[in-house]
């Protein structure tokens, strides 16, 4: 896995050992950022369920102002910190070593607000639904914020009904997809 573009272009990133994370492939990451590119410059980004931090680091490399990373795995946090230091982007990042709900509470208490949020929770546990609810409930989204949710292609998008989000786009891949959401119905 590597950084695709920007100031850290071509630098290799470490990934946590084992099967507990699913690093986003370079091809999918490139497609995602081709879609997001107009919004990334100077954005405040959140990489929730961050794993290796590859998505948030890509955002920073492409001009995001700041990125918050959150993951509950000690191995993932160690990997994120290593990758931030390796890419020389650590001064633009905040890392939360905690469960996503606790991390969101800390962000709320710190009065953080995000322009772009990327959620990549473990598939099949409906954690994205809780995260989406908390993002709105805690007021963590700036006006016109974009929320991207990576889910299994088997996940029914109708599950987000009633959470206050509008589906702007769905990008499907072989085994997963990205939902592009904004606030509003």
N, C-alpha and C. Protein backbone atom coordinates (compact mmCIF):
# COMPACT_ATOMS: atom_id res chain seq x y z
N UNK A 1 0.85 -1.17 0.00
CA UNK A 1 0.00 0.00 0.00
C UNK A 1 0.90 1.23 0.00
N UNK A 2 0.49 2.24 -0.77
CA UNK A 2 1.31 3.44 -0.90
C UNK A 2 0.42 4.68 -0.97
N UNK A 3 1.06 5.83 -0.82
CA UNK A 3 0.36 7.09 -1.03
C UNK A 3 0.33 7.33 -2.53
N UNK A 4 -0.83 7.65 -3.06
CA UNK A 4 -1.02 7.76 -4.51
C UNK A 4 -0.53 9.09 -5.06
N UNK A 5 -0.87 10.20 -4.38
CA UNK A 5 -0.57 11.52 -4.95
C UNK A 5 -0.26 12.52 -3.84
N UNK A 6 0.26 13.67 -4.24
CA UNK A 6 0.51 14.75 -3.30
C UNK A 6 1.92 14.77 -2.75
N UNK A 7 2.07 15.41 -1.60
CA UNK A 7 3.40 15.63 -1.03
C UNK A 7 4.10 14.35 -0.59
N UNK A 8 3.35 13.31 -0.25
CA UNK A 8 3.93 12.04 0.18
C UNK A 8 3.82 10.97 -0.91
N UNK A 9 3.62 11.40 -2.13
CA UNK A 9 3.43 10.48 -3.26
C UNK A 9 4.50 9.40 -3.31
N UNK A 10 4.04 8.18 -3.57
CA UNK A 10 4.85 6.97 -3.76
C UNK A 10 5.44 6.39 -2.48
N UNK A 11 5.27 7.04 -1.34
CA UNK A 11 5.79 6.47 -0.10
C UNK A 11 4.96 5.26 0.29
N UNK A 12 5.64 4.20 0.67
CA UNK A 12 4.98 2.98 1.11
C UNK A 12 4.46 3.15 2.53
N UNK A 13 3.30 2.58 2.80
CA UNK A 13 2.71 2.63 4.13
C UNK A 13 2.67 1.23 4.72
N UNK A 14 2.87 1.16 6.02
CA UNK A 14 2.74 -0.11 6.73
C UNK A 14 1.26 -0.38 6.97
N UNK A 15 0.93 -1.65 7.10
CA UNK A 15 -0.42 -2.04 7.49
C UNK A 15 -0.32 -2.93 8.71
N UNK A 16 -1.30 -2.90 9.59
CA UNK A 16 -1.27 -3.79 10.76
C UNK A 16 -1.24 -5.25 10.32
N UNK A 17 -0.50 -6.06 11.06
CA UNK A 17 -0.43 -7.48 10.75
C UNK A 17 -1.77 -8.15 11.02
N UNK A 18 -2.03 -9.26 10.34
CA UNK A 18 -3.24 -10.02 10.59
C UNK A 18 -4.39 -9.62 9.69
N UNK A 19 -5.54 -10.14 10.01
CA UNK A 19 -6.72 -9.94 9.18
C UNK A 19 -7.75 -9.01 9.81
N UNK A 20 -7.37 -8.31 10.89
CA UNK A 20 -8.34 -7.47 11.57
C UNK A 20 -8.64 -6.18 10.82
N UNK A 21 -7.79 -5.80 9.87
CA UNK A 21 -8.07 -4.62 9.05
C UNK A 21 -8.12 -5.04 7.59
N UNK A 22 -8.80 -4.21 6.79
CA UNK A 22 -8.88 -4.44 5.35
C UNK A 22 -8.37 -3.18 4.67
N UNK A 23 -7.06 -3.07 4.46
CA UNK A 23 -6.56 -1.84 3.83
C UNK A 23 -7.22 -1.62 2.47
N UNK A 24 -7.63 -0.38 2.24
CA UNK A 24 -8.25 -0.02 0.97
C UNK A 24 -7.19 -0.13 -0.12
N UNK A 25 -7.49 -0.85 -1.18
CA UNK A 25 -6.51 -1.04 -2.25
C UNK A 25 -6.16 0.29 -2.91
N UNK A 26 -4.98 0.34 -3.50
CA UNK A 26 -4.55 1.57 -4.18
C UNK A 26 -5.53 1.97 -5.27
N UNK A 27 -6.08 1.00 -5.99
CA UNK A 27 -7.00 1.32 -7.08
C UNK A 27 -8.29 1.96 -6.54
N UNK A 28 -8.84 1.38 -5.47
CA UNK A 28 -10.06 1.94 -4.88
C UNK A 28 -9.77 3.30 -4.25
N UNK A 29 -8.62 3.44 -3.60
CA UNK A 29 -8.24 4.71 -2.99
C UNK A 29 -8.10 5.79 -4.07
N UNK A 30 -7.51 5.45 -5.19
CA UNK A 30 -7.37 6.41 -6.28
C UNK A 30 -8.74 6.83 -6.82
N UNK A 31 -9.64 5.88 -6.99
CA UNK A 31 -11.00 6.19 -7.45
C UNK A 31 -11.70 7.10 -6.45
N UNK A 32 -11.60 6.77 -5.17
CA UNK A 32 -12.22 7.58 -4.12
C UNK A 32 -11.72 9.02 -4.17
N UNK A 33 -10.41 9.21 -4.27
CA UNK A 33 -9.87 10.56 -4.26
C UNK A 33 -10.05 11.30 -5.58
N UNK A 34 -10.24 10.59 -6.67
CA UNK A 34 -10.63 11.26 -7.91
C UNK A 34 -12.01 11.90 -7.75
N UNK A 35 -12.89 11.23 -7.00
CA UNK A 35 -14.22 11.77 -6.74
C UNK A 35 -14.14 12.93 -5.75
N UNK A 36 -13.32 12.79 -4.72
CA UNK A 36 -13.25 13.79 -3.64
C UNK A 36 -12.33 14.98 -3.92
N UNK A 37 -11.46 14.87 -4.89
CA UNK A 37 -10.39 15.86 -5.06
C UNK A 37 -10.82 17.32 -4.96
N UNK A 38 -11.94 17.74 -5.55
CA UNK A 38 -12.30 19.16 -5.44
C UNK A 38 -12.56 19.62 -4.00
N UNK A 39 -12.90 18.71 -3.11
CA UNK A 39 -13.22 19.07 -1.73
C UNK A 39 -12.07 18.89 -0.74
N UNK A 40 -10.98 18.24 -1.15
CA UNK A 40 -9.93 17.86 -0.20
C UNK A 40 -9.06 19.04 0.23
N UNK A 41 -8.72 19.94 -0.68
CA UNK A 41 -7.80 21.04 -0.35
C UNK A 41 -8.33 21.84 0.84
N UNK A 42 -7.51 21.94 1.88
CA UNK A 42 -7.78 22.72 3.09
C UNK A 42 -8.92 22.14 3.94
N UNK A 43 -9.35 20.92 3.66
CA UNK A 43 -10.43 20.29 4.43
C UNK A 43 -9.93 19.77 5.76
N UNK A 44 -10.85 19.68 6.71
CA UNK A 44 -10.59 18.98 7.97
C UNK A 44 -11.24 17.60 7.80
N UNK A 45 -10.44 16.56 7.93
CA UNK A 45 -10.79 15.20 7.54
C UNK A 45 -10.84 14.31 8.79
N UNK A 46 -11.76 13.36 8.81
CA UNK A 46 -11.81 12.35 9.86
C UNK A 46 -11.73 10.97 9.23
N UNK A 47 -10.76 10.18 9.68
CA UNK A 47 -10.60 8.79 9.26
C UNK A 47 -10.96 7.93 10.47
N UNK A 48 -12.22 7.48 10.51
CA UNK A 48 -12.74 6.71 11.64
C UNK A 48 -12.66 5.23 11.30
N UNK A 49 -12.28 4.41 12.27
CA UNK A 49 -11.93 3.00 12.03
C UNK A 49 -10.74 3.00 11.07
N UNK A 50 -9.70 3.73 11.43
CA UNK A 50 -8.64 4.13 10.50
C UNK A 50 -7.70 3.01 10.05
N UNK A 51 -7.56 1.94 10.81
CA UNK A 51 -6.64 0.88 10.38
C UNK A 51 -5.22 1.38 10.27
N UNK A 52 -4.67 1.39 9.07
CA UNK A 52 -3.30 1.88 8.83
C UNK A 52 -3.24 3.40 8.71
N UNK A 53 -4.41 4.03 8.57
CA UNK A 53 -4.45 5.48 8.37
C UNK A 53 -4.27 5.88 6.92
N UNK A 54 -4.28 4.93 6.02
CA UNK A 54 -3.99 5.20 4.61
C UNK A 54 -4.92 6.22 3.95
N UNK A 55 -6.19 6.22 4.30
CA UNK A 55 -7.13 7.16 3.68
C UNK A 55 -6.86 8.57 4.18
N UNK A 56 -6.74 8.74 5.49
CA UNK A 56 -6.46 10.06 6.04
C UNK A 56 -5.11 10.60 5.60
N UNK A 57 -4.12 9.74 5.51
CA UNK A 57 -2.79 10.17 5.05
C UNK A 57 -2.86 10.60 3.59
N UNK A 58 -3.62 9.89 2.79
CA UNK A 58 -3.81 10.30 1.40
C UNK A 58 -4.44 11.69 1.34
N UNK A 59 -5.43 11.93 2.20
CA UNK A 59 -6.09 13.25 2.24
C UNK A 59 -5.08 14.34 2.62
N UNK A 60 -4.27 14.09 3.63
CA UNK A 60 -3.26 15.07 4.04
C UNK A 60 -2.25 15.31 2.92
N UNK A 61 -1.82 14.25 2.28
CA UNK A 61 -0.85 14.37 1.19
C UNK A 61 -1.41 15.21 0.04
N UNK A 62 -2.74 15.14 -0.14
CA UNK A 62 -3.39 15.88 -1.23
C UNK A 62 -3.87 17.27 -0.81
N UNK A 63 -3.51 17.71 0.38
CA UNK A 63 -3.79 19.09 0.75
C UNK A 63 -4.80 19.33 1.84
N UNK A 64 -5.32 18.28 2.49
CA UNK A 64 -6.21 18.50 3.63
C UNK A 64 -5.42 19.23 4.71
N UNK A 65 -6.09 20.12 5.42
CA UNK A 65 -5.44 20.94 6.46
C UNK A 65 -5.09 20.12 7.69
N UNK A 66 -6.02 19.23 8.10
CA UNK A 66 -5.83 18.43 9.31
C UNK A 66 -6.63 17.14 9.17
N UNK A 67 -6.16 16.09 9.83
CA UNK A 67 -6.90 14.83 9.85
C UNK A 67 -6.87 14.25 11.25
N UNK A 68 -8.03 13.81 11.72
CA UNK A 68 -8.14 13.04 12.95
C UNK A 68 -8.28 11.58 12.57
N UNK A 69 -7.53 10.74 13.25
CA UNK A 69 -7.56 9.30 13.03
C UNK A 69 -8.05 8.65 14.32
N UNK A 70 -8.91 7.65 14.22
CA UNK A 70 -9.37 6.93 15.40
C UNK A 70 -9.43 5.44 15.11
N UNK A 71 -8.90 4.67 16.05
CA UNK A 71 -8.98 3.22 15.97
C UNK A 71 -8.79 2.66 17.37
N UNK A 72 -9.39 1.52 17.65
CA UNK A 72 -9.30 0.92 18.98
C UNK A 72 -8.16 -0.09 19.09
N UNK A 73 -7.58 -0.48 17.98
CA UNK A 73 -6.51 -1.48 17.97
C UNK A 73 -5.15 -0.83 18.26
N UNK A 74 -4.44 -1.39 19.24
CA UNK A 74 -3.09 -0.88 19.54
C UNK A 74 -2.17 -1.01 18.34
N UNK A 75 -2.28 -2.13 17.62
CA UNK A 75 -1.44 -2.33 16.43
C UNK A 75 -1.75 -1.28 15.37
N UNK A 76 -3.03 -0.98 15.18
CA UNK A 76 -3.42 0.02 14.20
C UNK A 76 -2.89 1.40 14.60
N UNK A 77 -3.01 1.76 15.86
CA UNK A 77 -2.53 3.07 16.32
C UNK A 77 -1.03 3.18 16.13
N UNK A 78 -0.30 2.14 16.46
CA UNK A 78 1.15 2.14 16.25
C UNK A 78 1.48 2.31 14.77
N UNK A 79 0.73 1.63 13.92
CA UNK A 79 0.92 1.70 12.47
C UNK A 79 0.61 3.11 11.95
N UNK A 80 -0.49 3.70 12.41
CA UNK A 80 -0.87 5.06 11.99
C UNK A 80 0.24 6.03 12.36
N UNK A 81 0.71 5.96 13.60
CA UNK A 81 1.77 6.88 14.05
C UNK A 81 3.05 6.70 13.23
N UNK A 82 3.40 5.44 12.96
CA UNK A 82 4.58 5.19 12.12
C UNK A 82 4.39 5.80 10.74
N UNK A 83 3.22 5.57 10.13
CA UNK A 83 2.97 6.08 8.78
C UNK A 83 2.95 7.61 8.74
N UNK A 84 2.40 8.24 9.77
CA UNK A 84 2.41 9.71 9.82
C UNK A 84 3.83 10.25 9.93
N UNK A 85 4.65 9.61 10.75
CA UNK A 85 6.05 10.05 10.86
C UNK A 85 6.81 9.80 9.57
N UNK A 86 6.58 8.64 8.96
CA UNK A 86 7.26 8.28 7.71
C UNK A 86 6.92 9.26 6.59
N UNK A 87 5.68 9.71 6.54
CA UNK A 87 5.25 10.63 5.48
C UNK A 87 5.47 12.10 5.85
N UNK A 88 5.96 12.33 7.09
CA UNK A 88 6.20 13.69 7.59
C UNK A 88 4.91 14.52 7.65
N UNK A 89 3.81 13.85 8.00
CA UNK A 89 2.51 14.52 8.10
C UNK A 89 1.96 14.53 9.53
N UNK A 90 2.78 14.08 10.48
CA UNK A 90 2.31 13.95 11.87
C UNK A 90 1.86 15.28 12.48
N UNK A 91 2.47 16.39 12.07
CA UNK A 91 2.10 17.68 12.66
C UNK A 91 0.73 18.17 12.20
N UNK A 92 0.12 17.49 11.23
CA UNK A 92 -1.20 17.85 10.74
C UNK A 92 -2.26 16.85 11.20
N UNK A 93 -1.91 16.03 12.20
CA UNK A 93 -2.80 14.93 12.58
C UNK A 93 -3.02 14.88 14.08
N UNK A 94 -4.18 14.34 14.44
CA UNK A 94 -4.51 13.99 15.82
C UNK A 94 -4.94 12.54 15.79
N UNK A 95 -4.37 11.73 16.68
CA UNK A 95 -4.66 10.30 16.71
C UNK A 95 -5.38 9.97 18.02
N UNK A 96 -6.53 9.30 17.90
CA UNK A 96 -7.32 8.87 19.04
C UNK A 96 -7.20 7.36 19.17
N UNK A 97 -6.59 6.90 20.25
CA UNK A 97 -6.43 5.48 20.50
C UNK A 97 -7.58 5.02 21.38
N UNK A 98 -8.74 4.88 20.77
CA UNK A 98 -9.91 4.47 21.55
C UNK A 98 -11.00 3.95 20.62
N UNK A 99 -11.99 3.34 21.24
CA UNK A 99 -13.20 2.90 20.56
C UNK A 99 -13.81 4.11 19.85
N UNK A 100 -14.47 3.88 18.74
CA UNK A 100 -14.99 4.98 17.94
C UNK A 100 -15.99 5.85 18.69
N UNK A 101 -16.80 5.25 19.56
CA UNK A 101 -17.77 6.07 20.29
C UNK A 101 -17.06 6.99 21.28
N UNK A 102 -16.05 6.48 21.97
CA UNK A 102 -15.28 7.31 22.90
C UNK A 102 -14.52 8.39 22.14
N UNK A 103 -13.97 8.04 20.98
CA UNK A 103 -13.25 9.03 20.17
C UNK A 103 -14.19 10.15 19.73
N UNK A 104 -15.40 9.80 19.32
CA UNK A 104 -16.36 10.82 18.90
C UNK A 104 -16.78 11.72 20.06
N UNK A 105 -16.88 11.17 21.26
CA UNK A 105 -17.18 11.99 22.44
C UNK A 105 -16.03 12.97 22.67
N UNK A 106 -14.79 12.51 22.58
CA UNK A 106 -13.63 13.41 22.76
C UNK A 106 -13.64 14.51 21.70
N UNK A 107 -13.94 14.16 20.47
CA UNK A 107 -13.98 15.15 19.40
C UNK A 107 -15.09 16.17 19.66
N UNK A 108 -16.23 15.70 20.14
CA UNK A 108 -17.33 16.61 20.49
C UNK A 108 -16.87 17.58 21.59
N UNK A 109 -16.24 17.03 22.64
CA UNK A 109 -15.79 17.85 23.75
C UNK A 109 -14.72 18.86 23.33
N UNK A 110 -13.93 18.49 22.31
CA UNK A 110 -12.91 19.40 21.77
C UNK A 110 -13.48 20.35 20.73
N UNK A 111 -14.79 20.23 20.47
CA UNK A 111 -15.50 21.08 19.50
C UNK A 111 -14.93 20.97 18.08
N UNK A 112 -14.55 19.77 17.71
CA UNK A 112 -14.05 19.52 16.35
C UNK A 112 -15.22 19.45 15.39
N UNK A 113 -14.96 19.88 14.17
CA UNK A 113 -15.96 19.79 13.09
C UNK A 113 -15.22 19.39 11.82
N UNK A 114 -15.87 18.57 11.01
CA UNK A 114 -15.21 17.98 9.85
C UNK A 114 -15.90 18.34 8.55
N UNK A 115 -15.06 18.46 7.50
CA UNK A 115 -15.55 18.70 6.15
C UNK A 115 -15.76 17.38 5.41
N UNK A 116 -14.89 16.41 5.68
CA UNK A 116 -14.97 15.10 5.04
C UNK A 116 -14.75 14.04 6.12
N UNK A 117 -15.61 13.04 6.14
CA UNK A 117 -15.50 11.93 7.08
C UNK A 117 -15.47 10.64 6.28
N UNK A 118 -14.52 9.77 6.62
CA UNK A 118 -14.44 8.45 6.00
C UNK A 118 -14.63 7.41 7.09
N UNK A 119 -15.66 6.57 6.94
CA UNK A 119 -15.96 5.50 7.89
C UNK A 119 -15.71 4.16 7.21
N UNK A 120 -14.89 3.32 7.84
CA UNK A 120 -14.64 1.99 7.30
C UNK A 120 -14.71 0.97 8.44
N UNK A 121 -15.92 0.79 9.01
CA UNK A 121 -16.05 -0.12 10.15
C UNK A 121 -16.01 -1.58 9.72
N UNK A 122 -15.81 -2.47 10.69
CA UNK A 122 -15.92 -3.90 10.36
C UNK A 122 -17.29 -4.17 9.74
N UNK A 123 -17.30 -4.97 8.70
CA UNK A 123 -18.53 -5.25 7.98
C UNK A 123 -19.49 -6.09 8.82
N UNK A 124 -20.79 -5.86 8.58
CA UNK A 124 -21.82 -6.71 9.15
C UNK A 124 -22.18 -6.46 10.60
N UNK A 125 -21.62 -5.42 11.21
CA UNK A 125 -21.91 -5.16 12.63
C UNK A 125 -22.76 -3.91 12.82
N UNK A 126 -23.09 -3.23 11.74
CA UNK A 126 -23.92 -2.02 11.74
C UNK A 126 -23.31 -0.88 12.56
N UNK A 127 -21.99 -0.88 12.73
CA UNK A 127 -21.31 0.19 13.46
C UNK A 127 -21.42 1.51 12.72
N UNK A 128 -21.54 1.43 11.39
CA UNK A 128 -21.68 2.66 10.60
C UNK A 128 -22.94 3.42 10.97
N UNK A 129 -24.00 2.70 11.34
CA UNK A 129 -25.26 3.36 11.70
C UNK A 129 -25.11 4.17 12.99
N UNK A 130 -24.44 3.59 13.97
CA UNK A 130 -24.19 4.31 15.22
C UNK A 130 -23.27 5.49 14.97
N UNK A 131 -22.22 5.28 14.19
CA UNK A 131 -21.28 6.38 13.90
C UNK A 131 -21.99 7.52 13.17
N UNK A 132 -22.82 7.20 12.20
CA UNK A 132 -23.54 8.24 11.46
C UNK A 132 -24.48 9.01 12.39
N UNK A 133 -25.16 8.32 13.27
CA UNK A 133 -26.05 8.98 14.22
C UNK A 133 -25.28 9.91 15.14
N UNK A 134 -24.13 9.43 15.66
CA UNK A 134 -23.34 10.24 16.60
C UNK A 134 -22.70 11.45 15.92
N UNK A 135 -22.28 11.31 14.68
CA UNK A 135 -21.70 12.46 13.96
C UNK A 135 -22.69 13.62 13.93
N UNK A 136 -23.95 13.32 13.66
CA UNK A 136 -24.98 14.37 13.63
C UNK A 136 -25.36 14.83 15.03
N UNK A 137 -25.59 13.88 15.91
CA UNK A 137 -26.02 14.20 17.27
C UNK A 137 -24.99 15.09 17.99
N UNK A 138 -23.71 14.82 17.76
CA UNK A 138 -22.64 15.58 18.43
C UNK A 138 -22.26 16.85 17.67
N UNK A 139 -22.88 17.11 16.52
CA UNK A 139 -22.58 18.33 15.77
C UNK A 139 -21.17 18.36 15.21
N UNK A 140 -20.68 17.21 14.74
CA UNK A 140 -19.30 17.11 14.26
C UNK A 140 -19.12 17.43 12.78
N UNK A 141 -20.22 17.72 12.08
CA UNK A 141 -20.14 17.95 10.64
C UNK A 141 -20.31 19.43 10.31
N UNK A 142 -19.40 19.96 9.51
CA UNK A 142 -19.55 21.31 8.98
C UNK A 142 -20.67 21.33 7.96
N UNK A 143 -21.17 22.52 7.64
CA UNK A 143 -22.14 22.64 6.56
C UNK A 143 -21.53 22.07 5.29
N UNK A 144 -22.31 21.37 4.52
CA UNK A 144 -21.86 20.75 3.26
C UNK A 144 -20.82 19.66 3.44
N UNK A 145 -20.70 19.10 4.64
CA UNK A 145 -19.75 18.00 4.87
C UNK A 145 -20.15 16.79 4.05
N UNK A 146 -19.15 16.04 3.65
CA UNK A 146 -19.34 14.79 2.92
C UNK A 146 -18.94 13.65 3.84
N UNK A 147 -19.78 12.62 3.92
CA UNK A 147 -19.48 11.43 4.70
C UNK A 147 -19.42 10.26 3.72
N UNK A 148 -18.30 9.57 3.73
CA UNK A 148 -18.14 8.39 2.88
C UNK A 148 -18.13 7.17 3.79
N UNK A 149 -18.99 6.21 3.50
CA UNK A 149 -19.07 4.99 4.30
C UNK A 149 -18.68 3.82 3.40
N UNK A 150 -17.66 3.07 3.83
CA UNK A 150 -17.29 1.86 3.10
C UNK A 150 -17.98 0.68 3.77
N UNK A 151 -18.75 -0.05 2.99
CA UNK A 151 -19.50 -1.20 3.49
C UNK A 151 -19.41 -2.35 2.50
N UNK A 152 -19.77 -3.52 2.98
CA UNK A 152 -19.89 -4.68 2.11
C UNK A 152 -20.94 -4.39 1.05
N UNK A 153 -20.74 -4.90 -0.15
CA UNK A 153 -21.72 -4.69 -1.21
C UNK A 153 -23.07 -5.34 -0.88
N UNK A 154 -23.10 -6.19 0.13
CA UNK A 154 -24.35 -6.84 0.56
C UNK A 154 -25.15 -5.97 1.54
N UNK A 155 -24.58 -4.86 2.00
CA UNK A 155 -25.25 -4.00 2.98
C UNK A 155 -26.34 -3.19 2.30
N UNK A 156 -27.52 -3.18 2.90
CA UNK A 156 -28.66 -2.47 2.34
C UNK A 156 -28.59 -0.99 2.71
N UNK A 157 -28.54 -0.14 1.72
CA UNK A 157 -28.42 1.30 1.96
C UNK A 157 -29.65 1.87 2.64
N UNK A 158 -30.78 1.17 2.55
CA UNK A 158 -32.01 1.64 3.21
C UNK A 158 -31.86 1.70 4.73
N UNK A 159 -30.80 1.04 5.27
CA UNK A 159 -30.57 1.07 6.71
C UNK A 159 -30.33 2.49 7.22
N UNK A 160 -29.90 3.40 6.37
CA UNK A 160 -29.61 4.76 6.84
C UNK A 160 -30.84 5.65 6.87
N UNK A 161 -31.98 5.15 6.37
CA UNK A 161 -33.21 5.93 6.41
C UNK A 161 -33.50 6.37 7.85
N UNK A 162 -33.90 7.59 8.01
CA UNK A 162 -34.22 8.10 9.33
C UNK A 162 -33.04 8.67 10.10
N UNK A 163 -31.83 8.59 9.53
CA UNK A 163 -30.65 9.13 10.22
C UNK A 163 -30.34 10.57 9.81
N UNK A 164 -31.09 11.10 8.83
CA UNK A 164 -30.90 12.49 8.43
C UNK A 164 -29.85 12.72 7.36
N UNK A 165 -29.55 11.69 6.58
CA UNK A 165 -28.57 11.82 5.50
C UNK A 165 -29.23 11.62 4.15
N UNK A 166 -28.67 12.27 3.17
CA UNK A 166 -29.09 12.09 1.78
C UNK A 166 -27.99 11.33 1.06
N UNK A 167 -28.36 10.34 0.28
CA UNK A 167 -27.39 9.57 -0.51
C UNK A 167 -27.15 10.34 -1.81
N UNK A 168 -25.93 10.84 -1.98
CA UNK A 168 -25.59 11.58 -3.18
C UNK A 168 -25.00 10.69 -4.27
N UNK A 169 -24.38 9.61 -3.84
CA UNK A 169 -23.72 8.74 -4.82
C UNK A 169 -23.40 7.41 -4.16
N UNK A 170 -23.43 6.34 -4.94
CA UNK A 170 -22.96 5.03 -4.50
C UNK A 170 -21.97 4.54 -5.54
N UNK A 171 -20.77 4.22 -5.10
CA UNK A 171 -19.74 3.70 -6.00
C UNK A 171 -19.52 2.25 -5.63
N UNK A 172 -19.82 1.34 -6.54
CA UNK A 172 -19.72 -0.08 -6.27
C UNK A 172 -18.42 -0.66 -6.82
N UNK A 173 -17.85 -1.58 -6.05
CA UNK A 173 -16.65 -2.32 -6.43
C UNK A 173 -17.01 -3.81 -6.41
N UNK A 174 -16.06 -4.70 -6.47
CA UNK A 174 -16.37 -6.13 -6.52
C UNK A 174 -17.07 -6.63 -5.25
N UNK A 175 -16.49 -6.33 -4.08
CA UNK A 175 -17.03 -6.89 -2.84
C UNK A 175 -17.52 -5.83 -1.86
N UNK A 176 -17.30 -4.57 -2.17
CA UNK A 176 -17.71 -3.50 -1.27
C UNK A 176 -18.19 -2.30 -2.06
N UNK A 177 -18.61 -1.27 -1.35
CA UNK A 177 -19.03 -0.05 -2.02
C UNK A 177 -18.82 1.14 -1.10
N UNK A 178 -18.83 2.31 -1.70
CA UNK A 178 -18.76 3.56 -0.95
C UNK A 178 -20.08 4.29 -1.09
N UNK A 179 -20.64 4.67 0.03
CA UNK A 179 -21.81 5.54 0.05
C UNK A 179 -21.31 6.96 0.27
N UNK A 180 -21.70 7.90 -0.55
CA UNK A 180 -21.36 9.31 -0.39
C UNK A 180 -22.62 10.01 0.13
N UNK A 181 -22.53 10.52 1.34
CA UNK A 181 -23.69 11.07 2.03
C UNK A 181 -23.46 12.53 2.42
N UNK A 182 -24.55 13.29 2.45
CA UNK A 182 -24.54 14.63 3.02
C UNK A 182 -25.74 14.74 3.94
N UNK A 183 -25.69 15.70 4.85
CA UNK A 183 -26.82 15.89 5.75
C UNK A 183 -28.02 16.40 4.97
N UNK A 184 -29.20 16.01 5.41
CA UNK A 184 -30.43 16.42 4.75
C UNK A 184 -31.14 15.23 4.15
N UNK A 185 -32.42 15.38 3.94
CA UNK A 185 -33.19 14.26 3.40
C UNK A 185 -33.79 14.65 2.07
